[in-house]
Amino acid sequence: MTQIPVRPARLRRQARLMNIINVPMRLALQLPFATPLSRQLMLLYLTGRRSGKTYRQPVSFVRDRETLLTPAGGRWKLNLRDGQCTRIRLAGRDRLARPELIRSVDEVEALLRTMLAQNPRLASFAPVVGPGGEIDAGRVQEAVRYGFAIVRWHFDCAPQ
């Protein structure tokens, strides 16, 4: 029988803080024009897998060529369907994007390097940086074990 890991207290506190911060972020990100916040944050429109209720989730992102990369440490990622187009609000415009969930430890580590090079503040959402500022492979492995992933967003959805 596999044992589900218990989320560390630090991560539980961080999740509660993000729930509070997300309220004004949702309002700012749904504006019909780009804002300074929308340079690094986008708004996801998710449908609850059990409830069917629509949720709006602010998430950080970095650009990687023709895609976007998002750290996915929260439970919101459980409502994503790998490959199913999802509505996002990016720089004041609604778009459709197809999520690709990356859960391979090696690929997560490589993508984190790409992401942190563009936005070092992402280290606060993905606690995998060691004391010297380098990515700690052991921490990446532990984070993935606790459910952390990277979402790569593709813009190849047919318009609706």
Protein backbone atom coordinates (compact mmCIF):
# COMPACT_ATOMS: atom_id res chain seq x y z
CA MET A 1 0.00 0.00 0.00
CA THR A 2 1.47 3.38 -1.00
CA GLN A 3 1.40 6.13 1.54
CA ILE A 4 0.31 9.62 0.49
CA PRO A 5 2.93 12.13 1.63
CA VAL A 6 1.80 14.73 4.16
CA ARG A 7 2.23 18.33 3.00
CA PRO A 8 4.83 20.11 5.18
CA ALA A 9 3.52 22.90 7.45
CA ARG A 10 5.47 25.55 5.52
CA LEU A 11 3.64 24.61 2.32
CA ARG A 12 0.27 24.64 4.09
CA ARG A 13 0.98 28.17 5.37
CA GLN A 14 2.06 29.28 1.90
CA ALA A 15 -1.16 27.88 0.41
CA ARG A 16 -3.29 29.82 2.93
CA LEU A 17 -1.40 33.04 2.16
CA MET A 18 -1.85 32.53 -1.59
CA ASN A 19 -5.61 32.08 -1.11
CA ILE A 20 -5.75 35.55 0.46
CA ILE A 21 -3.49 37.19 -2.13
CA ASN A 22 -5.37 35.60 -5.04
CA VAL A 23 -8.58 37.59 -4.37
CA PRO A 24 -7.24 40.98 -5.58
CA MET A 25 -5.07 39.25 -8.21
CA ARG A 26 -8.16 37.75 -9.85
CA LEU A 27 -9.74 41.19 -10.10
CA ALA A 28 -6.65 42.79 -11.62
CA LEU A 29 -5.99 39.94 -14.07
CA GLN A 30 -9.52 39.89 -15.48
CA LEU A 31 -9.27 43.51 -16.64
CA PRO A 32 -9.68 43.86 -20.44
CA PHE A 33 -6.18 45.34 -20.87
CA ALA A 34 -2.62 44.42 -19.98
CA THR A 35 -1.35 45.56 -16.58
CA PRO A 36 2.11 45.36 -14.99
CA LEU A 37 0.88 42.23 -13.16
CA SER A 38 -0.05 40.52 -16.42
CA ARG A 39 3.61 40.45 -17.52
CA GLN A 40 4.23 37.53 -15.17
CA LEU A 41 0.75 36.36 -14.15
CA MET A 42 -2.18 34.93 -16.06
CA LEU A 43 -5.66 33.83 -15.03
CA LEU A 44 -6.83 30.26 -15.60
CA TYR A 45 -10.51 29.38 -15.90
CA LEU A 46 -10.86 25.87 -14.51
CA THR A 47 -13.84 23.58 -14.07
CA GLY A 48 -13.88 21.54 -10.88
CA ARG A 49 -13.43 17.85 -11.63
CA ARG A 50 -16.03 16.88 -9.01
CA SER A 51 -18.20 19.97 -8.53
CA GLY A 52 -18.36 21.23 -12.11
CA LYS A 53 -17.96 24.73 -10.65
CA THR A 54 -15.85 27.28 -12.57
CA TYR A 55 -12.76 28.61 -10.79
CA ARG A 56 -10.40 31.46 -11.65
CA GLN A 57 -6.82 30.77 -10.62
CA PRO A 58 -4.00 33.32 -10.95
CA VAL A 59 -0.71 31.63 -11.85
CA SER A 60 2.76 32.87 -12.68
CA PHE A 61 4.34 32.04 -16.02
CA VAL A 62 7.42 32.52 -18.15
CA ARG A 63 7.64 32.38 -21.92
CA ASP A 64 9.58 29.54 -23.52
CA ARG A 65 9.63 30.06 -27.29
CA GLU A 66 6.03 29.48 -28.49
CA THR A 67 4.78 28.14 -25.14
CA LEU A 68 4.33 29.32 -21.56
CA LEU A 69 5.64 27.49 -18.50
CA THR A 70 3.82 27.54 -15.17
CA PRO A 71 4.90 26.06 -11.83
CA ALA A 72 2.07 23.86 -10.60
CA GLY A 73 2.43 23.19 -6.92
CA GLY A 74 -1.16 23.85 -5.93
CA ARG A 75 -4.21 21.64 -6.10
CA TRP A 76 -5.63 23.67 -9.01
CA LYS A 77 -3.62 21.49 -11.40
CA LEU A 78 -5.85 18.53 -10.50
CA ASN A 79 -8.62 20.22 -12.50
CA LEU A 80 -6.52 20.30 -15.67
CA ARG A 81 -7.05 17.66 -18.32
CA ASP A 82 -3.75 16.95 -20.03
CA GLY A 83 -4.22 17.95 -23.66
CA GLN A 84 -7.71 19.48 -23.24
CA CYS A 85 -7.86 23.16 -24.21
CA THR A 86 -8.41 25.55 -21.32
CA ARG A 87 -9.44 29.20 -21.32
CA ILE A 88 -6.79 31.54 -19.95
CA ARG A 89 -6.63 35.31 -19.66
CA LEU A 90 -3.25 36.56 -20.80
CA ALA A 91 -2.40 40.28 -20.90
CA GLY A 92 -6.07 41.27 -20.85
CA ARG A 93 -7.18 38.87 -23.60
CA ASP A 94 -8.92 35.51 -23.42
CA ARG A 95 -7.05 32.71 -25.18
CA LEU A 96 -7.30 28.95 -25.44
CA ALA A 97 -4.26 26.95 -24.43
CA ARG A 98 -3.56 23.24 -24.18
CA PRO A 99 -1.84 22.17 -20.94
CA GLU A 100 0.88 19.57 -20.94
CA LEU A 101 1.66 18.37 -17.41
CA ILE A 102 5.35 17.65 -16.87
CA ARG A 103 6.02 15.32 -13.93
CA SER A 104 9.35 13.75 -14.85
CA VAL A 105 11.91 14.83 -12.23
CA ASP A 106 14.65 15.41 -14.83
CA GLU A 107 12.41 17.44 -17.12
CA VAL A 108 10.94 19.44 -14.20
CA GLU A 109 14.48 20.28 -13.07
CA ALA A 110 15.52 21.41 -16.58
CA LEU A 111 12.39 23.53 -17.01
CA LEU A 112 12.86 25.08 -13.57
CA ARG A 113 16.32 26.24 -14.68
CA THR A 114 14.75 27.91 -17.72
CA MET A 115 12.03 29.49 -15.58
CA LEU A 116 14.31 30.73 -12.80
CA ALA A 117 16.68 32.30 -15.33
CA GLN A 118 13.80 34.51 -16.52
CA ASN A 119 12.09 35.06 -13.18
CA PRO A 120 14.16 34.33 -10.03
CA ARG A 121 11.11 35.13 -7.86
CA LEU A 122 9.60 31.81 -8.93
CA ALA A 123 11.87 30.19 -6.35
CA SER A 124 9.34 31.26 -3.71
CA PHE A 125 6.63 29.14 -5.47
CA ALA A 126 8.94 26.22 -6.17
CA PRO A 127 11.13 25.75 -3.08
CA VAL A 128 13.88 23.81 -4.82
CA VAL A 129 16.72 26.32 -4.66
CA GLY A 130 19.59 25.47 -2.34
CA PRO A 131 21.44 27.89 -0.04
CA GLY A 132 23.91 28.83 -2.80
CA GLY A 133 21.17 29.74 -5.27
CA GLU A 134 21.49 26.53 -7.29
CA ILE A 135 18.67 24.10 -7.97
CA ASP A 136 18.87 21.22 -5.52
CA ALA A 137 18.07 17.95 -7.32
CA GLY A 138 16.99 16.30 -4.05
CA ARG A 139 14.50 19.08 -3.39
CA VAL A 140 13.15 18.80 -6.94
CA GLN A 141 12.65 15.06 -6.46
CA GLU A 142 10.85 15.65 -3.14
CA ALA A 143 8.66 18.40 -4.64
CA VAL A 144 7.62 16.15 -7.53
CA ARG A 145 6.87 13.37 -5.04
CA TYR A 146 4.55 15.81 -3.21
CA GLY A 147 2.75 16.56 -6.49
CA PHE A 148 4.70 19.49 -7.92
CA ALA A 149 4.70 19.67 -11.71
CA ILE A 150 5.34 22.12 -14.52
CA VAL A 151 2.57 22.97 -16.96
CA ARG A 152 3.67 23.74 -20.50
CA TRP A 153 0.91 25.71 -22.27
CA HIS A 154 0.58 25.27 -26.04
CA PHE A 155 -1.41 27.67 -28.22
CA ASP A 156 -2.52 25.17 -30.85
CA CYS A 157 -6.22 24.98 -29.90
CA ALA A 158 -8.84 25.48 -32.59
CA PRO A 159 -10.94 28.63 -32.02
CA GLN A 160 -14.39 27.96 -30.59
